[in-house]
Amino acid sequence: MAKTLFVAGLPGDFDDVDLREMFELYGEVSSAKIILDRQTGKSRGFGFVDMIEDNDALIAIETLNGAGLKGKKMSVKEAEAQQKTQGSGFRPRPGGGGFNRGRPDRDRNRY
């Protein structure tokens, strides 16, 4: 069964191919993806790797977690499953609301 790994501390010039090649040293990789910033299109310094064999993934974690790469210390661990809350497709939005929201003394008769 495949295992997805979370990889952080990657150099900004790393791309999907570099990530794949690094992990292929430890076993078969089905996919490797560097996460890019939406506005700039540049690497955010982390990514995900799907490895076919669990044992290969564990060896990669043991070997690469804490390793130095171009002056940065990598963090490699098993990715956590993303949890959905309050039904399908719900994503909490960052940021606050209006100026007076959350003040019971002012919102009492609003609705």
PDB file of N, CA and C in Angstrom:
ATOM      1  N   MET A   1       0.837  -1.189   0.000  1.00  0.00           N
ATOM      2  CA  MET A   1       0.000   0.000   0.000  1.00  0.00           C
ATOM      3  C   MET A   1       0.879   1.249   0.000  1.00  0.00           C
ATOM      4  N   ALA A   2       0.497   2.263  -0.750  1.00  0.00           N
ATOM      5  CA  ALA A   2       1.296   3.488  -0.891  1.00  0.00           C
ATOM      6  C   ALA A   2       1.218   4.339   0.371  1.00  0.00           C
ATOM      7  N   LYS A   3       2.299   5.082   0.583  1.00  0.00           N
ATOM      8  CA  LYS A   3       2.380   5.997   1.715  1.00  0.00           C
ATOM      9  C   LYS A   3       2.702   7.380   1.183  1.00  0.00           C
ATOM     10  N   THR A   4       1.996   8.391   1.701  1.00  0.00           N
ATOM     11  CA  THR A   4       2.268   9.764   1.320  1.00  0.00           C
ATOM     12  C   THR A   4       3.136  10.410   2.391  1.00  0.00           C
ATOM     13  N   LEU A   5       4.212  11.048   1.930  1.00  0.00           N
ATOM     14  CA  LEU A   5       5.143  11.705   2.840  1.00  0.00           C
ATOM     15  C   LEU A   5       5.057  13.212   2.671  1.00  0.00           C
ATOM     16  N   PHE A   6       5.171  13.923   3.787  1.00  0.00           N
ATOM     17  CA  PHE A   6       5.247  15.377   3.798  1.00  0.00           C
ATOM     18  C   PHE A   6       6.719  15.741   3.936  1.00  0.00           C
ATOM     19  N   VAL A   7       7.202  16.613   3.064  1.00  0.00           N
ATOM     20  CA  VAL A   7       8.614  16.989   3.053  1.00  0.00           C
ATOM     21  C   VAL A   7       8.706  18.510   3.157  1.00  0.00           C
ATOM     22  N   ALA A   8       9.349  19.012   4.209  1.00  0.00           N
ATOM     23  CA  ALA A   8       9.504  20.457   4.418  1.00  0.00           C
ATOM     24  C   ALA A   8      10.983  20.809   4.484  1.00  0.00           C
ATOM     25  N   GLY A   9      11.271  22.098   4.362  1.00  0.00           N
ATOM     26  CA  GLY A   9      12.653  22.561   4.412  1.00  0.00           C
ATOM     27  C   GLY A   9      13.378  22.391   3.101  1.00  0.00           C
ATOM     28  N   LEU A  10      12.629  22.442   2.013  1.00  0.00           N
ATOM     29  CA  LEU A  10      13.227  22.280   0.686  1.00  0.00           C
ATOM     30  C   LEU A  10      13.740  23.617   0.157  1.00  0.00           C
ATOM     31  N   PRO A  11      14.828  23.598  -0.591  1.00  0.00           N
ATOM     32  CA  PRO A  11      15.341  24.834  -1.193  1.00  0.00           C
ATOM     33  C   PRO A  11      14.330  25.415  -2.190  1.00  0.00           C
ATOM     34  N   GLY A  12      14.347  26.714  -2.355  1.00  0.00           N
ATOM     35  CA  GLY A  12      13.404  27.385  -3.244  1.00  0.00           C
ATOM     36  C   GLY A  12      13.555  27.013  -4.705  1.00  0.00           C
ATOM     37  N   ASP A  13      14.734  26.531  -5.096  1.00  0.00           N
ATOM     38  CA  ASP A  13      14.938  26.182  -6.511  1.00  0.00           C
ATOM     39  C   ASP A  13      14.628  24.714  -6.808  1.00  0.00           C
ATOM     40  N   PHE A  14      14.131  23.976  -5.825  1.00  0.00           N
ATOM     41  CA  PHE A  14      13.758  22.573  -6.015  1.00  0.00           C
ATOM     42  C   PHE A  14      12.465  22.504  -6.807  1.00  0.00           C
ATOM     43  N   ASP A  15      12.370  21.545  -7.741  1.00  0.00           N
ATOM     44  CA  ASP A  15      11.119  21.335  -8.466  1.00  0.00           C
ATOM     45  C   ASP A  15      10.650  19.891  -8.287  1.00  0.00           C
ATOM     46  N   ASP A  16       9.543  19.545  -8.918  1.00  0.00           N
ATOM     47  CA  ASP A  16       8.955  18.203  -8.785  1.00  0.00           C
ATOM     48  C   ASP A  16       9.942  17.105  -9.178  1.00  0.00           C
ATOM     49  N   VAL A  17      10.698  17.336 -10.235  1.00  0.00           N
ATOM     50  CA  VAL A  17      11.654  16.331 -10.718  1.00  0.00           C
ATOM     51  C   VAL A  17      12.767  16.114  -9.685  1.00  0.00           C
ATOM     52  N   ASP A  18      13.282  17.199  -9.105  1.00  0.00           N
ATOM     53  CA  ASP A  18      14.320  17.071  -8.077  1.00  0.00           C
ATOM     54  C   ASP A  18      13.806  16.273  -6.881  1.00  0.00           C
ATOM     55  N   LEU A  19      12.583  16.566  -6.470  1.00  0.00           N
ATOM     56  CA  LEU A  19      11.994  15.870  -5.324  1.00  0.00           C
ATOM     57  C   LEU A  19      11.830  14.380  -5.630  1.00  0.00           C
ATOM     58  N   ARG A  20      11.298  14.080  -6.805  1.00  0.00           N
ATOM     59  CA  ARG A  20      11.112  12.677  -7.216  1.00  0.00           C
ATOM     60  C   ARG A  20      12.443  11.934  -7.228  1.00  0.00           C
ATOM     61  N   GLU A  21      13.454  12.544  -7.852  1.00  0.00           N
ATOM     62  CA  GLU A  21      14.758  11.881  -7.965  1.00  0.00           C
ATOM     63  C   GLU A  21      15.388  11.627  -6.595  1.00  0.00           C
ATOM     64  N   MET A  22      15.207  12.540  -5.662  1.00  0.00           N
ATOM     65  CA  MET A  22      15.766  12.356  -4.330  1.00  0.00           C
ATOM     66  C   MET A  22      15.138  11.141  -3.636  1.00  0.00           C
ATOM     67  N   PHE A  23      13.826  10.983  -3.765  1.00  0.00           N
ATOM     68  CA  PHE A  23      13.145   9.885  -3.085  1.00  0.00           C
ATOM     69  C   PHE A  23      13.242   8.570  -3.850  1.00  0.00           C
ATOM     70  N   GLU A  24      13.479   8.611  -5.148  1.00  0.00           N
ATOM     71  CA  GLU A  24      13.648   7.375  -5.920  1.00  0.00           C
ATOM     72  C   GLU A  24      14.907   6.620  -5.505  1.00  0.00           C
ATOM     73  N   LEU A  25      15.815   7.273  -4.812  1.00  0.00           N
ATOM     74  CA  LEU A  25      16.989   6.583  -4.279  1.00  0.00           C
ATOM     75  C   LEU A  25      16.590   5.550  -3.222  1.00  0.00           C
ATOM     76  N   TYR A  26      15.390   5.680  -2.665  1.00  0.00           N
ATOM     77  CA  TYR A  26      14.934   4.797  -1.584  1.00  0.00           C
ATOM     78  C   TYR A  26      13.820   3.852  -2.012  1.00  0.00           C
ATOM     79  N   GLY A  27      13.272   4.030  -3.213  1.00  0.00           N
ATOM     80  CA  GLY A  27      12.216   3.141  -3.673  1.00  0.00           C
ATOM     81  C   GLY A  27      11.394   3.790  -4.767  1.00  0.00           C
ATOM     82  N   GLU A  28      10.381   3.061  -5.231  1.00  0.00           N
ATOM     83  CA  GLU A  28       9.537   3.542  -6.318  1.00  0.00           C
ATOM     84  C   GLU A  28       8.607   4.653  -5.855  1.00  0.00           C
ATOM     85  N   VAL A  29       8.587   5.742  -6.623  1.00  0.00           N
ATOM     86  CA  VAL A  29       7.767   6.919  -6.307  1.00  0.00           C
ATOM     87  C   VAL A  29       6.652   7.007  -7.350  1.00  0.00           C
ATOM     88  N   SER A  30       5.405   7.113  -6.891  1.00  0.00           N
ATOM     89  CA  SER A  30       4.294   7.249  -7.844  1.00  0.00           C
ATOM     90  C   SER A  30       4.034   8.715  -8.176  1.00  0.00           C
ATOM     91  N   SER A  31       4.330   9.636  -7.247  1.00  0.00           N
ATOM     92  CA  SER A  31       4.195  11.060  -7.549  1.00  0.00           C
ATOM     93  C   SER A  31       5.021  11.875  -6.565  1.00  0.00           C
ATOM     94  N   ALA A  32       5.427  13.058  -7.024  1.00  0.00           N
ATOM     95  CA  ALA A  32       6.168  13.998  -6.189  1.00  0.00           C
ATOM     96  C   ALA A  32       5.731  15.395  -6.593  1.00  0.00           C
ATOM     97  N   LYS A  33       5.313  16.205  -5.628  1.00  0.00           N
ATOM     98  CA  LYS A  33       4.775  17.525  -5.948  1.00  0.00           C
ATOM     99  C   LYS A  33       5.278  18.574  -4.962  1.00  0.00           C
ATOM    100  N   ILE A  34       5.930  19.609  -5.510  1.00  0.00           N
ATOM    101  CA  ILE A  34       6.322  20.771  -4.718  1.00  0.00           C
ATOM    102  C   ILE A  34       5.121  21.719  -4.700  1.00  0.00           C
ATOM    103  N   ILE A  35       4.794  22.263  -3.544  1.00  0.00           N
ATOM    104  CA  ILE A  35       3.675  23.189  -3.434  1.00  0.00           C
ATOM    105  C   ILE A  35       4.161  24.596  -3.766  1.00  0.00           C
ATOM    106  N   LEU A  36       3.431  25.244  -4.676  1.00  0.00           N
ATOM    107  CA  LEU A  36       3.809  26.570  -5.143  1.00  0.00           C
ATOM    108  C   LEU A  36       2.891  27.642  -4.563  1.00  0.00           C
ATOM    109  N   ASP A  37       3.451  28.824  -4.359  1.00  0.00           N
ATOM    110  CA  ASP A  37       2.669  29.975  -3.924  1.00  0.00           C
ATOM    111  C   ASP A  37       1.761  30.401  -5.084  1.00  0.00           C
ATOM    112  N   ARG A  38       0.498  30.630  -4.808  1.00  0.00           N
ATOM    113  CA  ARG A  38      -0.465  30.962  -5.861  1.00  0.00           C
ATOM    114  C   ARG A  38      -0.154  32.292  -6.536  1.00  0.00           C
ATOM    115  N   GLN A  39       0.322  33.245  -5.782  1.00  0.00           N
ATOM    116  CA  GLN A  39       0.555  34.575  -6.342  1.00  0.00           C
ATOM    117  C   GLN A  39       1.878  34.679  -7.091  1.00  0.00           C
ATOM    118  N   THR A  40       2.934  34.093  -6.533  1.00  0.00           N
ATOM    119  CA  THR A  40       4.257  34.261  -7.136  1.00  0.00           C
ATOM    120  C   THR A  40       4.663  33.095  -8.032  1.00  0.00           C
ATOM    121  N   GLY A  41       4.050  31.931  -7.824  1.00  0.00           N
ATOM    122  CA  GLY A  41       4.419  30.750  -8.591  1.00  0.00           C
ATOM    123  C   GLY A  41       5.718  30.115  -8.125  1.00  0.00           C
ATOM    124  N   LYS A  42       6.274  30.614  -7.020  1.00  0.00           N
ATOM    125  CA  LYS A  42       7.529  30.074  -6.494  1.00  0.00           C
ATOM    126  C   LYS A  42       7.244  29.024  -5.427  1.00  0.00           C
ATOM    127  N   SER A  43       8.234  28.174  -5.196  1.00  0.00           N
ATOM    128  CA  SER A  43       8.111  27.105  -4.207  1.00  0.00           C
ATOM    129  C   SER A  43       7.853  27.673  -2.820  1.00  0.00           C
ATOM    130  N   ARG A  44       6.988  26.991  -2.072  1.00  0.00           N
ATOM    131  CA  ARG A  44       6.734  27.372  -0.681  1.00  0.00           C
ATOM    132  C   ARG A  44       7.660  26.622   0.269  1.00  0.00           C
ATOM    133  N   GLY A  45       8.554  25.788  -0.290  1.00  0.00           N
ATOM    134  CA  GLY A  45       9.547  25.091   0.522  1.00  0.00           C
ATOM    135  C   GLY A  45       9.092  23.760   1.079  1.00  0.00           C
ATOM    136  N   PHE A  46       7.940  23.273   0.614  1.00  0.00           N
ATOM    137  CA  PHE A  46       7.497  21.947   1.052  1.00  0.00           C
ATOM    138  C   PHE A  46       6.764  21.256  -0.081  1.00  0.00           C
ATOM    139  N   GLY A  47       6.576  19.942   0.098  1.00  0.00           N
ATOM    140  CA  GLY A  47       5.892  19.160  -0.918  1.00  0.00           C
ATOM    141  C   GLY A  47       5.457  17.810  -0.391  1.00  0.00           C
ATOM    142  N   PHE A  48       4.935  16.988  -1.294  1.00  0.00           N
ATOM    143  CA  PHE A  48       4.430  15.664  -0.938  1.00  0.00           C
ATOM    144  C   PHE A  48       4.979  14.637  -1.907  1.00  0.00           C
ATOM    145  N   VAL A  49       5.283  13.464  -1.365  1.00  0.00           N
ATOM    146  CA  VAL A  49       5.799  12.355  -2.173  1.00  0.00           C
ATOM    147  C   VAL A  49       4.967  11.122  -1.859  1.00  0.00           C
ATOM    148  N   ASP A  50       4.493  10.441  -2.903  1.00  0.00           N
ATOM    149  CA  ASP A  50       3.781   9.172  -2.739  1.00  0.00           C
ATOM    150  C   ASP A  50       4.741   8.055  -3.105  1.00  0.00           C
ATOM    151  N   MET A  51       5.016   7.186  -2.124  1.00  0.00           N
ATOM    152  CA  MET A  51       5.892   6.035  -2.365  1.00  0.00           C
ATOM    153  C   MET A  51       5.052   4.769  -2.374  1.00  0.00           C
ATOM    154  N   ILE A  52       5.383   3.860  -3.294  1.00  0.00           N
ATOM    155  CA  ILE A  52       4.600   2.637  -3.504  1.00  0.00           C
ATOM    156  C   ILE A  52       4.670   1.703  -2.293  1.00  0.00           C
ATOM    157  N   GLU A  53       5.856   1.470  -1.784  1.00  0.00           N
ATOM    158  CA  GLU A  53       6.053   0.509  -0.694  1.00  0.00           C
ATOM    159  C   GLU A  53       6.226   1.217   0.643  1.00  0.00           C
ATOM    160  N   ASP A  54       5.479   0.757   1.650  1.00  0.00           N
ATOM    161  CA  ASP A  54       5.563   1.325   2.995  1.00  0.00           C
ATOM    162  C   ASP A  54       6.982   1.255   3.554  1.00  0.00           C
ATOM    163  N   ASN A  55       7.640   0.122   3.354  1.00  0.00           N
ATOM    164  CA  ASN A  55       8.985  -0.066   3.891  1.00  0.00           C
ATOM    165  C   ASN A  55       9.975   0.932   3.285  1.00  0.00           C
ATOM    166  N   ASP A  56       9.850   1.171   1.975  1.00  0.00           N
ATOM    167  CA  ASP A  56      10.711   2.154   1.315  1.00  0.00           C
ATOM    168  C   ASP A  56      10.460   3.551   1.880  1.00  0.00           C
ATOM    169  N   ALA A  57       9.204   3.869   2.132  1.00  0.00           N
ATOM    170  CA  ALA A  57       8.858   5.175   2.690  1.00  0.00           C
ATOM    171  C   ALA A  57       9.457   5.338   4.088  1.00  0.00           C
ATOM    172  N   LEU A  58       9.401   4.298   4.897  1.00  0.00           N
ATOM    173  CA  LEU A  58       9.959   4.369   6.253  1.00  0.00           C
ATOM    174  C   LEU A  58      11.476   4.567   6.221  1.00  0.00           C
ATOM    175  N   ILE A  59      12.150   3.907   5.290  1.00  0.00           N
ATOM    176  CA  ILE A  59      13.599   4.073   5.145  1.00  0.00           C
ATOM    177  C   ILE A  59      13.922   5.503   4.707  1.00  0.00           C
ATOM    178  N   ALA A  60      13.130   6.041   3.772  1.00  0.00           N
ATOM    179  CA  ALA A  60      13.339   7.421   3.327  1.00  0.00           C
ATOM    180  C   ALA A  60      13.145   8.399   4.481  1.00  0.00           C
ATOM    181  N   ILE A  61      12.129   8.178   5.299  1.00  0.00           N
ATOM    182  CA  ILE A  61      11.881   9.048   6.461  1.00  0.00           C
ATOM    183  C   ILE A  61      13.076   8.999   7.403  1.00  0.00           C
ATOM    184  N   GLU A  62      13.517   7.780   7.755  1.00  0.00           N
ATOM    185  CA  GLU A  62      14.636   7.623   8.695  1.00  0.00           C
ATOM    186  C   GLU A  62      15.918   8.267   8.167  1.00  0.00           C
ATOM    187  N   THR A  63      16.133   8.155   6.861  1.00  0.00           N
ATOM    188  CA  THR A  63      17.372   8.658   6.271  1.00  0.00           C
ATOM    189  C   THR A  63      17.354  10.171   6.051  1.00  0.00           C
ATOM    190  N   LEU A  64      16.235  10.696   5.556  1.00  0.00           N
ATOM    191  CA  LEU A  64      16.194  12.095   5.133  1.00  0.00           C
ATOM    192  C   LEU A  64      15.704  13.076   6.194  1.00  0.00           C
ATOM    193  N   ASN A  65      14.946  12.611   7.181  1.00  0.00           N
ATOM    194  CA  ASN A  65      14.444  13.520   8.215  1.00  0.00           C
ATOM    195  C   ASN A  65      15.621  14.102   9.001  1.00  0.00           C
ATOM    196  N   GLY A  66      15.745  15.409   8.983  1.00  0.00           N
ATOM    197  CA  GLY A  66      16.832  16.085   9.686  1.00  0.00           C
ATOM    198  C   GLY A  66      18.088  16.281   8.853  1.00  0.00           C
ATOM    199  N   ALA A  67      18.093  15.739   7.639  1.00  0.00           N
ATOM    200  CA  ALA A  67      19.267  15.874   6.767  1.00  0.00           C
ATOM    201  C   ALA A  67      19.375  17.304   6.243  1.00  0.00           C
ATOM    202  N   GLY A  68      20.601  17.744   6.032  1.00  0.00           N
ATOM    203  CA  GLY A  68      20.832  19.068   5.484  1.00  0.00           C
ATOM    204  C   GLY A  68      20.798  19.044   3.967  1.00  0.00           C
ATOM    205  N   LEU A  69      20.186  20.068   3.376  1.00  0.00           N
ATOM    206  CA  LEU A  69      20.101  20.168   1.932  1.00  0.00           C
ATOM    207  C   LEU A  69      20.211  21.644   1.545  1.00  0.00           C
ATOM    208  N   LYS A  70      21.323  21.995   0.915  1.00  0.00           N
ATOM    209  CA  LYS A  70      21.591  23.375   0.486  1.00  0.00           C
ATOM    210  C   LYS A  70      21.399  24.369   1.636  1.00  0.00           C
ATOM    211  N   GLY A  71      21.948  24.033   2.786  1.00  0.00           N
ATOM    212  CA  GLY A  71      21.901  24.926   3.934  1.00  0.00           C
ATOM    213  C   GLY A  71      20.609  24.901   4.735  1.00  0.00           C
ATOM    214  N   LYS A  72      19.675  24.036   4.370  1.00  0.00           N
ATOM    215  CA  LYS A  72      18.405  23.914   5.104  1.00  0.00           C
ATOM    216  C   LYS A  72      18.298  22.521   5.686  1.00  0.00           C
ATOM    217  N   LYS A  73      17.607  22.415   6.809  1.00  0.00           N
ATOM    218  CA  LYS A  73      17.377  21.123   7.447  1.00  0.00           C
ATOM    219  C   LYS A  73      15.994  20.621   7.041  1.00  0.00           C
ATOM    220  N   MET A  74      15.972  19.461   6.404  1.00  0.00           N
ATOM    221  CA  MET A  74      14.700  18.899   5.939  1.00  0.00           C
ATOM    222  C   MET A  74      13.935  18.218   7.065  1.00  0.00           C
ATOM    223  N   SER A  75      12.625  18.242   6.905  1.00  0.00           N
ATOM    224  CA  SER A  75      11.741  17.494   7.785  1.00  0.00           C
ATOM    225  C   SER A  75      10.930  16.565   6.894  1.00  0.00           C
ATOM    226  N   VAL A  76      10.998  15.275   7.171  1.00  0.00           N
ATOM    227  CA  VAL A  76      10.279  14.285   6.372  1.00  0.00           C
ATOM    228  C   VAL A  76       9.469  13.422   7.333  1.00  0.00           C
ATOM    229  N   LYS A  77       8.173  13.337   7.085  1.00  0.00           N
ATOM    230  CA  LYS A  77       7.301  12.509   7.930  1.00  0.00           C
ATOM    231  C   LYS A  77       6.111  12.042   7.118  1.00  0.00           C
ATOM    232  N   GLU A  78       5.401  11.087   7.681  1.00  0.00           N
ATOM    233  CA  GLU A  78       4.198  10.604   7.020  1.00  0.00           C
ATOM    234  C   GLU A  78       3.154  11.713   7.038  1.00  0.00           C
ATOM    235  N   ALA A  79       2.534  11.968   5.884  1.00  0.00           N
ATOM    236  CA  ALA A  79       1.521  13.012   5.789  1.00  0.00           C
ATOM    237  C   ALA A  79       0.280  12.596   6.571  1.00  0.00           C
ATOM    238  N   GLU A  80      -0.342  13.580   7.180  1.00  0.00           N
ATOM    239  CA  GLU A  80      -1.580  13.324   7.913  1.00  0.00           C
ATOM    240  C   GLU A  80      -2.748  13.483   6.953  1.00  0.00           C
ATOM    241  N   ALA A  81      -3.756  12.637   7.115  1.00  0.00           N
ATOM    242  CA  ALA A  81      -4.940  12.725   6.262  1.00  0.00           C
ATOM    243  C   ALA A  81      -5.666  14.027   6.556  1.00  0.00           C
ATOM    244  N   GLN A  82      -6.126  14.701   5.513  1.00  0.00           N
ATOM    245  CA  GLN A  82      -6.842  15.953   5.676  1.00  0.00           C
ATOM    246  C   GLN A  82      -8.261  15.635   6.126  1.00  0.00           C
ATOM    247  N   GLN A  83      -8.708  16.308   7.170  1.00  0.00           N
ATOM    248  CA  GLN A  83     -10.044  16.058   7.694  1.00  0.00           C
ATOM    249  C   GLN A  83     -11.011  17.095   7.167  1.00  0.00           C
ATOM    250  N   LYS A  84     -12.203  16.623   6.806  1.00  0.00           N
ATOM    251  CA  LYS A  84     -13.259  17.548   6.395  1.00  0.00           C
ATOM    252  C   LYS A  84     -14.152  17.797   7.590  1.00  0.00           C
ATOM    253  N   THR A  85     -14.617  19.023   7.698  1.00  0.00           N
ATOM    254  CA  THR A  85     -15.498  19.374   8.804  1.00  0.00           C
ATOM    255  C   THR A  85     -16.792  19.949   8.262  1.00  0.00           C
ATOM    256  N   GLN A  86     -17.862  19.719   8.968  1.00  0.00           N
ATOM    257  CA  GLN A  86     -19.181  20.252   8.647  1.00  0.00           C
ATOM    258  C   GLN A  86     -19.597  19.970   7.213  1.00  0.00           C
ATOM    259  N   GLY A  87     -19.436  18.749   6.784  1.00  0.00           N
ATOM    260  CA  GLY A  87     -19.926  18.355   5.475  1.00  0.00           C
ATOM    261  C   GLY A  87     -18.914  18.531   4.368  1.00  0.00           C
ATOM    262  N   SER A  88     -19.264  18.056   3.237  1.00  0.00           N
ATOM    263  CA  SER A  88     -18.359  18.050   2.096  1.00  0.00           C
ATOM    264  C   SER A  88     -18.066  19.451   1.583  1.00  0.00           C
ATOM    265  N   GLY A  89     -16.799  19.726   1.376  1.00  0.00           N
ATOM    266  CA  GLY A  89     -16.403  20.977   0.758  1.00  0.00           C
ATOM    267  C   GLY A  89     -16.269  22.160   1.692  1.00  0.00           C
ATOM    268  N   PHE A  90     -16.578  22.014   2.954  1.00  0.00           N
ATOM    269  CA  PHE A  90     -16.481  23.145   3.884  1.00  0.00           C
ATOM    270  C   PHE A  90     -15.033  23.439   4.218  1.00  0.00           C
ATOM    271  N   ARG A  91     -14.637  24.692   4.063  1.00  0.00           N
ATOM    272  CA  ARG A  91     -13.298  25.124   4.442  1.00  0.00           C
ATOM    273  C   ARG A  91     -13.414  26.410   5.230  1.00  0.00           C
ATOM    274  N   PRO A  92     -12.944  26.409   6.478  1.00  0.00           N
ATOM    275  CA  PRO A  92     -12.984  27.652   7.232  1.00  0.00           C
ATOM    276  C   PRO A  92     -12.150  28.717   6.533  1.00  0.00           C
ATOM    277  N   ARG A  93     -12.615  29.928   6.533  1.00  0.00           N
ATOM    278  CA  ARG A  93     -11.901  31.024   5.880  1.00  0.00           C
ATOM    279  C   ARG A  93     -11.113  31.814   6.910  1.00  0.00           C
ATOM    280  N   PRO A  94      -9.905  32.215   6.550  1.00  0.00           N
ATOM    281  CA  PRO A  94      -9.100  32.997   7.482  1.00  0.00           C
ATOM    282  C   PRO A  94      -9.616  34.427   7.590  1.00  0.00           C
ATOM    283  N   GLY A  95      -9.224  35.084   8.660  1.00  0.00           N
ATOM    284  CA  GLY A  95      -9.583  36.492   8.816  1.00  0.00           C
ATOM    285  C   GLY A  95     -10.805  36.670   9.668  1.00  0.00           C
ATOM    286  N   GLY A  96     -11.076  37.869  10.001  1.00  0.00           N
ATOM    287  CA  GLY A  96     -12.202  38.192  10.875  1.00  0.00           C
ATOM    288  C   GLY A  96     -13.423  38.597  10.097  1.00  0.00           C
ATOM    289  N   GLY A  97     -14.419  39.008  10.832  1.00  0.00           N
ATOM    290  CA  GLY A  97     -15.669  39.424  10.215  1.00  0.00           C
ATOM    291  C   GLY A  97     -15.779  40.927  10.223  1.00  0.00           C
ATOM    292  N   GLY A  98     -16.989  41.399  10.408  1.00  0.00           N
ATOM    293  CA  GLY A  98     -17.244  42.836  10.434  1.00  0.00           C
ATOM    294  C   GLY A  98     -16.761  43.469  11.728  1.00  0.00           C
ATOM    295  N   PHE A  99     -16.831  44.773  11.785  1.00  0.00           N
ATOM    296  CA  PHE A  99     -16.294  45.530  12.917  1.00  0.00           C
ATOM    297  C   PHE A  99     -16.937  45.144  14.244  1.00  0.00           C
ATOM    298  N   ASN A 100     -18.254  44.996  14.270  1.00  0.00           N
ATOM    299  CA  ASN A 100     -18.945  44.752  15.537  1.00  0.00           C
ATOM    300  C   ASN A 100     -19.316  43.297  15.779  1.00  0.00           C
ATOM    301  N   ARG A 101     -18.854  42.404  14.952  1.00  0.00           N
ATOM    302  CA  ARG A 101     -19.223  40.994  15.148  1.00  0.00           C
ATOM    303  C   ARG A 101     -18.632  40.456  16.435  1.00  0.00           C
ATOM    304  N   GLY A 102     -19.376  39.580  17.044  1.00  0.00           N
ATOM    305  CA  GLY A 102     -18.887  38.928  18.246  1.00  0.00           C
ATOM    306  C   GLY A 102     -19.123  39.733  19.511  1.00  0.00           C
ATOM    307  N   ARG A 103     -19.869  40.830  19.419  1.00  0.00           N
ATOM    308  CA  ARG A 103     -20.149  41.630  20.603  1.00  0.00           C
ATOM    309  C   ARG A 103     -21.609  41.426  20.969  1.00  0.00           C
ATOM    310  N   PRO A 104     -21.877  40.565  21.942  1.00  0.00           N
ATOM    311  CA  PRO A 104     -23.263  40.229  22.278  1.00  0.00           C
ATOM    312  C   PRO A 104     -24.106  41.451  22.637  1.00  0.00           C
ATOM    313  N   ASP A 105     -23.491  42.449  23.267  1.00  0.00           N
ATOM    314  CA  ASP A 105     -24.279  43.614  23.669  1.00  0.00           C
ATOM    315  C   ASP A 105     -24.776  44.410  22.463  1.00  0.00           C
ATOM    316  N   ARG A 106     -24.098  44.311  21.324  1.00  0.00           N
ATOM    317  CA  ARG A 106     -24.525  45.041  20.125  1.00  0.00           C
ATOM    318  C   ARG A 106     -25.293  44.152  19.153  1.00  0.00           C
ATOM    319  N   ASP A 107     -25.094  42.847  19.218  1.00  0.00           N
ATOM    320  CA  ASP A 107     -25.707  41.939  18.248  1.00  0.00           C
ATOM    321  C   ASP A 107     -27.027  41.329  18.729  1.00  0.00           C
ATOM    322  N   ARG A 108     -27.430  41.638  19.927  1.00  0.00           N
ATOM    323  CA  ARG A 108     -28.578  40.976  20.542  1.00  0.00           C
ATOM    324  C   ARG A 108     -29.827  41.067  19.685  1.00  0.00           C
ATOM    325  N   ASN A 109     -30.129  42.223  19.131  1.00  0.00           N
ATOM    326  CA  ASN A 109     -31.362  42.393  18.369  1.00  0.00           C
ATOM    327  C   ASN A 109     -31.124  42.434  16.857  1.00  0.00           C
ATOM    328  N   ARG A 110     -29.967  42.040  16.441  1.00  0.00           N
ATOM    329  CA  ARG A 110     -29.616  42.121  15.035  1.00  0.00           C
ATOM    330  C   ARG A 110     -30.438  41.143  14.187  1.00  0.00           C
ATOM    331  N   TYR A 111     -30.691  39.955  14.667  1.00  0.00           N
ATOM    332  CA  TYR A 111     -31.376  38.943  13.873  1.00  0.00           C
ATOM    333  C   TYR A 111     -32.780  38.791  14.369  1.00  0.00           C
TER     334      TYR A 111
END
